[in-house]
Amino acid sequence: MASRFIEAFWDTMGTNDFAAASLLLSKDFEYYMPQSQEYMRGRDAFVAVNSNYPASGPWVFKVHSIIESNDRGVSDVSVTDGAIQARVITFHTVENGLITRQLEFWPDPYPAPEWRTEWTEIRSEPPF
């Protein structure tokens, strides 16, 4: 069940219309990246971070696999903007047809970029 919502999310992210992708998230959506210790809450922050990211070109996503169990799923996705090439593992929680949480692992630890501080806060552990 969760996999179809996760697949729809990645398909919409591939359009680079982050406002449209945010409609697949709950209003109280939570996101956490352990490598940079950034926590983000809400659709508006999601749109702002993705829209303001200093990308080298349009984002392209290739879903390698999605594994699900009830309301949870894990996606393995290649991500590139032409300069960055990464393999991202994301743990998703889906409730009532919307993604409520994402815990996302990028390949290497890195400090939180200064430009995102308006929308994120630093936490050593996810709040969920």
N, C-alpha and C. Protein backbone atom coordinates (compact mmCIF):
# COMPACT_ATOMS: atom_id res chain seq x y z
N MET A 1 0.82 -1.21 0.00
CA MET A 1 0.00 0.00 0.00
C MET A 1 0.86 1.27 0.00
N ALA A 2 1.86 1.32 0.88
CA ALA A 2 2.70 2.51 0.97
C ALA A 2 3.50 2.75 -0.30
N SER A 3 3.86 1.67 -0.99
CA SER A 3 4.75 1.81 -2.15
C SER A 3 4.14 2.66 -3.26
N ARG A 4 2.85 2.61 -3.46
CA ARG A 4 2.26 3.42 -4.54
C ARG A 4 2.35 4.91 -4.23
N PHE A 5 2.26 5.29 -2.95
CA PHE A 5 2.39 6.70 -2.57
C PHE A 5 3.85 7.15 -2.66
N ILE A 6 4.75 6.26 -2.30
CA ILE A 6 6.18 6.57 -2.40
C ILE A 6 6.59 6.69 -3.86
N GLU A 7 6.10 5.80 -4.69
CA GLU A 7 6.39 5.88 -6.13
C GLU A 7 5.83 7.17 -6.73
N ALA A 8 4.61 7.55 -6.34
CA ALA A 8 4.02 8.80 -6.83
C ALA A 8 4.86 10.00 -6.38
N PHE A 9 5.38 9.95 -5.16
CA PHE A 9 6.23 11.03 -4.66
C PHE A 9 7.47 11.19 -5.55
N TRP A 10 8.18 10.08 -5.82
CA TRP A 10 9.40 10.18 -6.64
C TRP A 10 9.08 10.58 -8.08
N ASP A 11 7.96 10.10 -8.61
CA ASP A 11 7.55 10.52 -9.96
C ASP A 11 7.33 12.03 -10.01
N THR A 12 6.68 12.57 -9.00
CA THR A 12 6.40 14.00 -8.95
C THR A 12 7.68 14.80 -8.69
N MET A 13 8.56 14.29 -7.85
CA MET A 13 9.85 14.96 -7.64
C MET A 13 10.60 15.08 -8.97
N GLY A 14 10.45 14.08 -9.83
CA GLY A 14 11.11 14.09 -11.13
C GLY A 14 10.65 15.20 -12.06
N THR A 15 9.50 15.81 -11.77
CA THR A 15 9.04 16.95 -12.57
C THR A 15 9.72 18.24 -12.13
N ASN A 16 10.40 18.19 -10.98
CA ASN A 16 11.02 19.37 -10.37
C ASN A 16 10.00 20.41 -9.95
N ASP A 17 8.74 20.01 -9.83
CA ASP A 17 7.68 20.86 -9.29
C ASP A 17 7.51 20.47 -7.82
N PHE A 18 8.31 21.11 -6.97
CA PHE A 18 8.36 20.71 -5.57
C PHE A 18 7.09 21.08 -4.81
N ALA A 19 6.37 22.08 -5.28
CA ALA A 19 5.07 22.40 -4.67
C ALA A 19 4.09 21.27 -4.95
N ALA A 20 4.12 20.71 -6.15
CA ALA A 20 3.25 19.57 -6.48
C ALA A 20 3.65 18.36 -5.65
N ALA A 21 4.95 18.12 -5.50
CA ALA A 21 5.41 16.99 -4.69
C ALA A 21 5.00 17.15 -3.24
N SER A 22 4.97 18.39 -2.75
CA SER A 22 4.60 18.62 -1.34
C SER A 22 3.15 18.24 -1.06
N LEU A 23 2.32 18.20 -2.09
CA LEU A 23 0.92 17.82 -1.89
C LEU A 23 0.77 16.34 -1.58
N LEU A 24 1.84 15.57 -1.75
CA LEU A 24 1.84 14.16 -1.38
C LEU A 24 2.33 13.97 0.05
N LEU A 25 2.64 15.07 0.72
CA LEU A 25 3.09 15.07 2.11
C LEU A 25 1.96 15.57 3.01
N SER A 26 1.92 15.08 4.24
CA SER A 26 0.94 15.60 5.20
C SER A 26 1.32 17.03 5.57
N LYS A 27 0.35 17.80 6.05
CA LYS A 27 0.63 19.18 6.44
C LYS A 27 1.67 19.26 7.55
N ASP A 28 1.69 18.25 8.42
CA ASP A 28 2.65 18.24 9.52
C ASP A 28 3.83 17.30 9.24
N PHE A 29 4.15 17.14 7.97
CA PHE A 29 5.26 16.32 7.49
C PHE A 29 6.54 16.60 8.27
N GLU A 30 7.30 15.53 8.58
CA GLU A 30 8.58 15.65 9.26
C GLU A 30 9.66 14.96 8.44
N TYR A 31 10.84 15.58 8.42
CA TYR A 31 11.96 15.07 7.61
C TYR A 31 13.23 15.19 8.45
N TYR A 32 14.07 14.16 8.37
CA TYR A 32 15.33 14.20 9.11
C TYR A 32 16.44 13.57 8.28
N MET A 33 17.62 14.25 8.27
CA MET A 33 18.82 13.75 7.61
C MET A 33 19.90 13.54 8.68
N PRO A 34 20.19 12.29 9.04
CA PRO A 34 21.19 12.04 10.08
C PRO A 34 22.58 12.60 9.77
N GLN A 35 23.01 12.59 8.51
CA GLN A 35 24.37 13.04 8.18
C GLN A 35 24.59 14.50 8.55
N SER A 36 23.62 15.36 8.28
CA SER A 36 23.78 16.78 8.60
C SER A 36 23.02 17.15 9.87
N GLN A 37 22.29 16.20 10.43
CA GLN A 37 21.49 16.38 11.63
C GLN A 37 20.38 17.42 11.45
N GLU A 38 19.90 17.58 10.21
CA GLU A 38 18.85 18.57 9.94
C GLU A 38 17.46 17.95 10.06
N TYR A 39 16.61 18.68 10.76
CA TYR A 39 15.21 18.31 10.92
C TYR A 39 14.37 19.39 10.27
N MET A 40 13.38 18.99 9.52
CA MET A 40 12.51 19.93 8.82
C MET A 40 11.07 19.52 9.08
N ARG A 41 10.21 20.50 9.23
CA ARG A 41 8.80 20.22 9.48
C ARG A 41 7.93 21.03 8.52
N GLY A 42 6.96 20.36 7.91
CA GLY A 42 5.94 21.02 7.11
C GLY A 42 6.23 21.10 5.62
N ARG A 43 5.14 21.22 4.88
CA ARG A 43 5.23 21.31 3.41
C ARG A 43 5.97 22.55 2.94
N ASP A 44 5.71 23.68 3.59
CA ASP A 44 6.35 24.93 3.15
C ASP A 44 7.87 24.85 3.23
N ALA A 45 8.37 24.27 4.31
CA ALA A 45 9.83 24.12 4.45
C ALA A 45 10.37 23.17 3.38
N PHE A 46 9.63 22.10 3.10
CA PHE A 46 10.04 21.15 2.06
C PHE A 46 10.17 21.85 0.71
N VAL A 47 9.17 22.64 0.35
CA VAL A 47 9.19 23.36 -0.93
C VAL A 47 10.34 24.37 -0.94
N ALA A 48 10.52 25.10 0.15
CA ALA A 48 11.56 26.12 0.21
C ALA A 48 12.95 25.51 0.06
N VAL A 49 13.24 24.45 0.79
CA VAL A 49 14.56 23.83 0.72
C VAL A 49 14.83 23.30 -0.68
N ASN A 50 13.87 22.60 -1.26
CA ASN A 50 14.09 22.02 -2.58
C ASN A 50 14.12 23.08 -3.68
N SER A 51 13.34 24.13 -3.55
CA SER A 51 13.32 25.19 -4.56
C SER A 51 14.55 26.08 -4.49
N ASN A 52 15.13 26.23 -3.31
CA ASN A 52 16.29 27.10 -3.12
C ASN A 52 17.62 26.38 -3.21
N TYR A 53 17.59 25.07 -3.39
CA TYR A 53 18.83 24.31 -3.47
C TYR A 53 19.62 24.80 -4.70
N PRO A 54 20.90 25.09 -4.52
CA PRO A 54 21.71 25.59 -5.64
C PRO A 54 22.11 24.48 -6.62
N ALA A 55 21.13 23.92 -7.29
CA ALA A 55 21.35 22.80 -8.21
C ALA A 55 22.04 23.26 -9.49
N SER A 56 22.78 22.34 -10.08
CA SER A 56 23.46 22.62 -11.35
C SER A 56 22.55 22.44 -12.55
N GLY A 57 21.42 21.82 -12.35
CA GLY A 57 20.45 21.56 -13.42
C GLY A 57 19.23 20.90 -12.82
N PRO A 58 18.29 20.48 -13.66
CA PRO A 58 17.10 19.82 -13.14
C PRO A 58 17.47 18.51 -12.44
N TRP A 59 16.74 18.20 -11.40
CA TRP A 59 16.96 16.95 -10.67
C TRP A 59 16.37 15.79 -11.45
N VAL A 60 17.11 14.69 -11.49
CA VAL A 60 16.65 13.46 -12.12
C VAL A 60 16.72 12.37 -11.06
N PHE A 61 15.63 11.61 -10.94
CA PHE A 61 15.53 10.55 -9.94
C PHE A 61 15.30 9.22 -10.64
N LYS A 62 16.05 8.20 -10.23
CA LYS A 62 15.82 6.85 -10.75
C LYS A 62 15.57 5.94 -9.56
N VAL A 63 14.36 5.43 -9.47
CA VAL A 63 14.00 4.53 -8.38
C VAL A 63 14.52 3.13 -8.70
N HIS A 64 15.37 2.61 -7.83
CA HIS A 64 15.90 1.26 -8.00
C HIS A 64 14.98 0.24 -7.35
N SER A 65 14.47 0.58 -6.16
CA SER A 65 13.55 -0.32 -5.49
C SER A 65 12.78 0.40 -4.40
N ILE A 66 11.63 -0.16 -4.12
CA ILE A 66 10.80 0.28 -2.99
C ILE A 66 10.36 -0.99 -2.27
N ILE A 67 10.60 -1.03 -0.99
CA ILE A 67 10.17 -2.15 -0.16
C ILE A 67 9.19 -1.59 0.85
N GLU A 68 8.09 -2.31 1.07
CA GLU A 68 7.08 -1.79 1.99
C GLU A 68 6.62 -2.83 2.99
N SER A 69 6.10 -2.33 4.08
CA SER A 69 5.44 -3.14 5.09
C SER A 69 4.37 -2.26 5.72
N ASN A 70 3.13 -2.56 5.39
CA ASN A 70 1.99 -1.79 5.89
C ASN A 70 2.13 -0.31 5.54
N ASP A 71 2.26 0.55 6.56
CA ASP A 71 2.31 2.00 6.31
C ASP A 71 3.73 2.54 6.20
N ARG A 72 4.70 1.67 6.05
CA ARG A 72 6.09 2.11 5.95
C ARG A 72 6.73 1.56 4.70
N GLY A 73 7.69 2.32 4.19
CA GLY A 73 8.41 1.87 3.02
C GLY A 73 9.81 2.43 2.99
N VAL A 74 10.67 1.77 2.24
CA VAL A 74 12.05 2.21 2.06
C VAL A 74 12.30 2.30 0.56
N SER A 75 12.85 3.43 0.13
CA SER A 75 13.19 3.58 -1.29
C SER A 75 14.69 3.74 -1.45
N ASP A 76 15.18 3.17 -2.54
CA ASP A 76 16.58 3.24 -2.95
C ASP A 76 16.58 3.98 -4.28
N VAL A 77 17.10 5.21 -4.28
CA VAL A 77 16.95 6.10 -5.43
C VAL A 77 18.29 6.74 -5.80
N SER A 78 18.61 6.75 -7.09
CA SER A 78 19.74 7.53 -7.59
C SER A 78 19.24 8.94 -7.88
N VAL A 79 20.07 9.93 -7.51
CA VAL A 79 19.69 11.34 -7.64
C VAL A 79 20.84 12.07 -8.33
N THR A 80 20.51 12.90 -9.31
CA THR A 80 21.54 13.74 -9.94
C THR A 80 20.94 15.06 -10.40
N ASP A 81 21.78 16.09 -10.35
CA ASP A 81 21.44 17.38 -10.94
C ASP A 81 22.43 17.70 -12.06
N GLY A 82 23.17 16.70 -12.50
CA GLY A 82 24.19 16.87 -13.51
C GLY A 82 25.58 16.96 -12.91
N ALA A 83 25.69 17.51 -11.72
CA ALA A 83 26.98 17.62 -11.03
C ALA A 83 27.04 16.62 -9.87
N ILE A 84 26.01 16.63 -9.04
CA ILE A 84 25.91 15.69 -7.92
C ILE A 84 25.35 14.38 -8.44
N GLN A 85 25.96 13.29 -8.04
CA GLN A 85 25.41 11.97 -8.33
C GLN A 85 25.45 11.20 -7.03
N ALA A 86 24.27 10.82 -6.53
CA ALA A 86 24.21 10.16 -5.24
C ALA A 86 23.19 9.04 -5.27
N ARG A 87 23.34 8.15 -4.33
CA ARG A 87 22.38 7.08 -4.11
C ARG A 87 21.79 7.34 -2.74
N VAL A 88 20.48 7.50 -2.67
CA VAL A 88 19.80 7.94 -1.45
C VAL A 88 18.86 6.84 -0.96
N ILE A 89 18.92 6.55 0.33
CA ILE A 89 18.01 5.59 0.95
C ILE A 89 17.07 6.40 1.85
N THR A 90 15.76 6.26 1.62
CA THR A 90 14.77 7.01 2.36
C THR A 90 13.76 6.07 3.01
N PHE A 91 13.56 6.26 4.31
CA PHE A 91 12.53 5.53 5.06
C PHE A 91 11.31 6.45 5.12
N HIS A 92 10.18 5.96 4.64
CA HIS A 92 8.94 6.75 4.56
C HIS A 92 7.88 6.15 5.49
N THR A 93 7.08 7.02 6.09
CA THR A 93 5.88 6.61 6.79
C THR A 93 4.70 7.23 6.06
N VAL A 94 3.70 6.41 5.74
CA VAL A 94 2.52 6.87 4.99
C VAL A 94 1.28 6.66 5.86
N GLU A 95 0.49 7.70 5.99
CA GLU A 95 -0.77 7.62 6.73
C GLU A 95 -1.85 8.33 5.94
N ASN A 96 -2.99 7.69 5.78
CA ASN A 96 -4.12 8.27 5.07
C ASN A 96 -3.74 8.79 3.69
N GLY A 97 -2.89 8.06 2.99
CA GLY A 97 -2.53 8.41 1.63
C GLY A 97 -1.53 9.53 1.48
N LEU A 98 -0.90 9.96 2.58
CA LEU A 98 0.11 11.02 2.52
C LEU A 98 1.36 10.58 3.26
N ILE A 99 2.50 11.03 2.80
CA ILE A 99 3.76 10.74 3.48
C ILE A 99 3.86 11.68 4.68
N THR A 100 4.01 11.11 5.88
CA THR A 100 4.06 11.91 7.10
C THR A 100 5.49 12.12 7.60
N ARG A 101 6.38 11.16 7.27
CA ARG A 101 7.77 11.26 7.74
C ARG A 101 8.71 10.67 6.70
N GLN A 102 9.89 11.28 6.65
CA GLN A 102 10.98 10.71 5.86
C GLN A 102 12.27 10.83 6.67
N LEU A 103 12.98 9.72 6.74
CA LEU A 103 14.31 9.68 7.32
C LEU A 103 15.22 9.32 6.16
N GLU A 104 16.10 10.26 5.77
CA GLU A 104 16.82 10.11 4.51
C GLU A 104 18.32 10.08 4.72
N PHE A 105 18.96 9.05 4.15
CA PHE A 105 20.40 8.86 4.24
C PHE A 105 21.04 9.14 2.90
N TRP A 106 21.89 10.17 2.86
CA TRP A 106 22.73 10.47 1.71
C TRP A 106 24.06 9.77 1.95
N PRO A 107 24.91 9.64 0.92
CA PRO A 107 26.09 8.79 1.03
C PRO A 107 27.11 9.17 2.09
N ASP A 108 27.37 10.44 2.31
CA ASP A 108 28.43 10.84 3.21
C ASP A 108 27.94 11.89 4.21
N PRO A 109 28.51 11.89 5.42
CA PRO A 109 28.17 12.96 6.37
C PRO A 109 28.72 14.29 5.88
N TYR A 110 28.04 15.34 6.20
CA TYR A 110 28.48 16.67 5.82
C TYR A 110 27.83 17.68 6.75
N PRO A 111 28.45 18.85 6.91
CA PRO A 111 27.83 19.87 7.76
C PRO A 111 26.59 20.45 7.08
N ALA A 112 25.64 20.84 7.89
CA ALA A 112 24.42 21.45 7.36
C ALA A 112 24.77 22.74 6.62
N PRO A 113 24.30 22.90 5.39
CA PRO A 113 24.58 24.14 4.65
C PRO A 113 23.90 25.34 5.31
N GLU A 114 24.61 26.43 5.38
CA GLU A 114 24.12 27.66 6.00
C GLU A 114 22.82 28.15 5.36
N TRP A 115 22.69 28.01 4.05
CA TRP A 115 21.53 28.56 3.34
C TRP A 115 20.21 27.90 3.75
N ARG A 116 20.25 26.71 4.38
CA ARG A 116 19.01 26.02 4.76
C ARG A 116 18.56 26.33 6.18
N THR A 117 19.33 27.10 6.96
CA THR A 117 19.02 27.30 8.37
C THR A 117 17.69 27.98 8.62
N GLU A 118 17.19 28.71 7.66
CA GLU A 118 15.88 29.36 7.80
C GLU A 118 14.75 28.34 7.95
N TRP A 119 14.95 27.15 7.40
CA TRP A 119 13.87 26.15 7.37
C TRP A 119 14.18 24.90 8.18
N THR A 120 15.39 24.76 8.68
CA THR A 120 15.77 23.54 9.39
C THR A 120 16.36 23.87 10.75
N GLU A 121 16.46 22.86 11.59
CA GLU A 121 17.15 23.01 12.87
C GLU A 121 18.06 21.79 13.05
N ILE A 122 19.10 21.94 13.84
CA ILE A 122 20.07 20.87 14.06
C ILE A 122 19.61 20.02 15.25
N ARG A 123 19.58 18.71 15.04
CA ARG A 123 19.23 17.75 16.09
C ARG A 123 20.13 16.53 15.93
N SER A 124 20.66 16.03 17.03
CA SER A 124 21.55 14.88 16.95
C SER A 124 20.80 13.56 16.69
N GLU A 125 19.52 13.53 16.96
CA GLU A 125 18.68 12.35 16.74
C GLU A 125 17.35 12.79 16.14
N PRO A 126 16.71 11.93 15.35
CA PRO A 126 15.40 12.30 14.81
C PRO A 126 14.37 12.40 15.94
N PRO A 127 13.42 13.30 15.84
CA PRO A 127 12.42 13.46 16.90
C PRO A 127 11.31 12.42 16.81
N PHE A 128 11.39 11.49 15.88
CA PHE A 128 10.34 10.48 15.72
C PHE A 128 10.93 9.10 15.69
